[in-house]
Amino acid sequence: MESTFDKFINSNLKRKAKFEKEYNEFLLSEFVLEKMESENLSVRKLAKKAGVSPTIIQKIRTKNAERINFRTFSNVLHTLGYKINIEKI
C-alpha cells in the first residue's frame, strides 16, 4: 500500500528528484556531524586535519554542500576514517 507521502513524491518527477537530492545531502551532513561529535572534533580541528577551510566543513554541517567537489568531500571523509565506494546499481 502506497502512503500519502509516496503518492505525493511519486506524482511529480521533478519533486521526487529534488527530494532525493536534498535527502541525500541531509544524510551526508548528518553522518559527518555524528562522526565529528563521536570523535570530539570541532569545525576548525577537522578542517585543519583534512586540509580544507573551516568554511567547507561548515557548509557540510549546514547541508549546504552542493558546491563542494568530490575530492574535497572525500578528503573530509578520509580524515574521519571513511572512504567512498562507488557501486553500479
C-alpha atoms as a PDB file:
ATOM      1  CA  MET A   1       0.000   0.000   0.000  1.00  0.00           C
ATOM      2  CA  GLU A   2       1.400   3.376  -1.030  1.00  0.00           C
ATOM      3  CA  SER A   3       1.473   6.051   1.674  1.00  0.00           C
ATOM      4  CA  THR A   4       0.212   9.595   1.169  1.00  0.00           C
ATOM      5  CA  PHE A   5       3.841  10.761   1.176  1.00  0.00           C
ATOM      6  CA  ASP A   6       4.787   8.233  -1.527  1.00  0.00           C
ATOM      7  CA  LYS A   7       1.843   9.342  -3.656  1.00  0.00           C
ATOM      8  CA  PHE A   8       2.860  12.981  -3.213  1.00  0.00           C
ATOM      9  CA  ILE A   9       6.518  12.368  -4.113  1.00  0.00           C
ATOM     10  CA  ASN A  10       5.870   9.925  -6.947  1.00  0.00           C
ATOM     11  CA  SER A  11       3.231  12.116  -8.605  1.00  0.00           C
ATOM     12  CA  ASN A  12       5.829  14.609  -9.834  1.00  0.00           C
ATOM     13  CA  LEU A  13       9.258  13.563 -11.182  1.00  0.00           C
ATOM     14  CA  LYS A  14      10.853  16.968 -10.519  1.00  0.00           C
ATOM     15  CA  ARG A  15       9.588  16.952  -6.939  1.00  0.00           C
ATOM     16  CA  LYS A  16      10.873  13.406  -6.463  1.00  0.00           C
ATOM     17  CA  ALA A  17      14.337  14.248  -7.855  1.00  0.00           C
ATOM     18  CA  LYS A  18      14.564  17.352  -5.655  1.00  0.00           C
ATOM     19  CA  PHE A  19      13.519  15.391  -2.576  1.00  0.00           C
ATOM     20  CA  GLU A  20      16.053  12.625  -3.236  1.00  0.00           C
ATOM     21  CA  LYS A  21      18.889  15.123  -3.784  1.00  0.00           C
ATOM     22  CA  GLU A  22      18.082  17.057  -0.617  1.00  0.00           C
ATOM     23  CA  TYR A  23      17.595  13.877   1.407  1.00  0.00           C
ATOM     24  CA  ASN A  24      20.995  12.545   0.318  1.00  0.00           C
ATOM     25  CA  GLU A  25      22.632  15.855   1.268  1.00  0.00           C
ATOM     26  CA  PHE A  26      20.897  15.634   4.641  1.00  0.00           C
ATOM     27  CA  LEU A  27      22.193  12.086   5.208  1.00  0.00           C
ATOM     28  CA  LEU A  28      25.773  13.060   4.342  1.00  0.00           C
ATOM     29  CA  SER A  29      25.590  16.086   6.597  1.00  0.00           C
ATOM     30  CA  GLU A  30      24.182  14.068   9.488  1.00  0.00           C
ATOM     31  CA  PHE A  31      26.870  11.407   9.007  1.00  0.00           C
ATOM     32  CA  VAL A  32      29.658  13.995   9.229  1.00  0.00           C
ATOM     33  CA  LEU A  33      28.031  15.673  12.239  1.00  0.00           C
ATOM     34  CA  GLU A  34      27.714  12.359  14.052  1.00  0.00           C
ATOM     35  CA  LYS A  35      31.356  11.430  13.397  1.00  0.00           C
ATOM     36  CA  MET A  36      32.584  14.858  14.473  1.00  0.00           C
ATOM     37  CA  GLU A  37      30.631  14.556  17.703  1.00  0.00           C
ATOM     38  CA  SER A  38      31.760  10.992  18.439  1.00  0.00           C
ATOM     39  CA  GLU A  39      35.404  11.934  17.848  1.00  0.00           C
ATOM     40  CA  ASN A  40      35.083  15.284  19.635  1.00  0.00           C
ATOM     41  CA  LEU A  41      36.245  17.237  16.569  1.00  0.00           C
ATOM     42  CA  SER A  42      35.449  20.903  16.163  1.00  0.00           C
ATOM     43  CA  VAL A  43      34.968  22.503  12.763  1.00  0.00           C
ATOM     44  CA  ARG A  44      38.449  24.010  12.948  1.00  0.00           C
ATOM     45  CA  LYS A  45      40.122  20.768  14.053  1.00  0.00           C
ATOM     46  CA  LEU A  46      38.514  18.746  11.280  1.00  0.00           C
ATOM     47  CA  ALA A  47      39.282  21.428   8.695  1.00  0.00           C
ATOM     48  CA  LYS A  48      42.939  21.511   9.717  1.00  0.00           C
ATOM     49  CA  LYS A  49      43.257  17.709   9.646  1.00  0.00           C
ATOM     50  CA  ALA A  50      41.514  17.487   6.254  1.00  0.00           C
ATOM     51  CA  GLY A  51      43.494  20.370   4.779  1.00  0.00           C
ATOM     52  CA  VAL A  52      40.402  22.426   3.951  1.00  0.00           C
ATOM     53  CA  SER A  53      38.993  25.695   5.180  1.00  0.00           C
ATOM     54  CA  PRO A  54      36.593  25.752   8.122  1.00  0.00           C
ATOM     55  CA  THR A  55      34.022  27.212   5.707  1.00  0.00           C
ATOM     56  CA  ILE A  56      33.960  23.901   3.809  1.00  0.00           C
ATOM     57  CA  ILE A  57      33.251  21.941   6.992  1.00  0.00           C
ATOM     58  CA  GLN A  58      30.578  24.439   7.977  1.00  0.00           C
ATOM     59  CA  LYS A  59      28.904  24.049   4.569  1.00  0.00           C
ATOM     60  CA  ILE A  60      28.808  20.278   5.045  1.00  0.00           C
ATOM     61  CA  ARG A  61      27.396  20.674   8.556  1.00  0.00           C
ATOM     62  CA  THR A  62      24.661  23.033   7.410  1.00  0.00           C
ATOM     63  CA  LYS A  63      23.587  20.841   4.485  1.00  0.00           C
ATOM     64  CA  ASN A  64      24.854  23.429   2.017  1.00  0.00           C
ATOM     65  CA  ALA A  65      27.448  21.230   0.379  1.00  0.00           C
ATOM     66  CA  GLU A  66      26.212  21.195  -3.195  1.00  0.00           C
ATOM     67  CA  ARG A  67      29.213  23.156  -4.456  1.00  0.00           C
ATOM     68  CA  ILE A  68      31.853  21.137  -2.641  1.00  0.00           C
ATOM     69  CA  ASN A  69      33.717  18.939  -5.069  1.00  0.00           C
ATOM     70  CA  PHE A  70      34.102  15.206  -4.732  1.00  0.00           C
ATOM     71  CA  ARG A  71      37.816  15.329  -3.872  1.00  0.00           C
ATOM     72  CA  THR A  72      37.259  17.782  -1.020  1.00  0.00           C
ATOM     73  CA  PHE A  73      34.383  15.787   0.430  1.00  0.00           C
ATOM     74  CA  SER A  74      36.382  12.586   0.028  1.00  0.00           C
ATOM     75  CA  ASN A  75      39.293  14.155   1.952  1.00  0.00           C
ATOM     76  CA  VAL A  76      36.978  15.128   4.799  1.00  0.00           C
ATOM     77  CA  LEU A  77      35.569  11.594   4.979  1.00  0.00           C
ATOM     78  CA  HIS A  78      39.070  10.109   4.806  1.00  0.00           C
ATOM     79  CA  THR A  79      40.088  12.290   7.743  1.00  0.00           C
ATOM     80  CA  LEU A  80      37.164  10.827   9.678  1.00  0.00           C
ATOM     81  CA  GLY A  81      38.361   7.316   8.786  1.00  0.00           C
ATOM     82  CA  TYR A  82      35.963   6.573   5.918  1.00  0.00           C
ATOM     83  CA  LYS A  83      36.131   6.245   2.149  1.00  0.00           C
ATOM     84  CA  ILE A  84      33.579   6.478  -0.614  1.00  0.00           C
ATOM     85  CA  ASN A  85      32.809   3.349  -2.613  1.00  0.00           C
ATOM     86  CA  ILE A  86      31.035   3.586  -5.933  1.00  0.00           C
ATOM     87  CA  GLU A  87      28.881   0.643  -6.968  1.00  0.00           C
ATOM     88  CA  LYS A  88      26.811   0.040 -10.049  1.00  0.00           C
ATOM     89  CA  ILE A  89      23.156  -0.191  -9.122  1.00  0.00           C
END
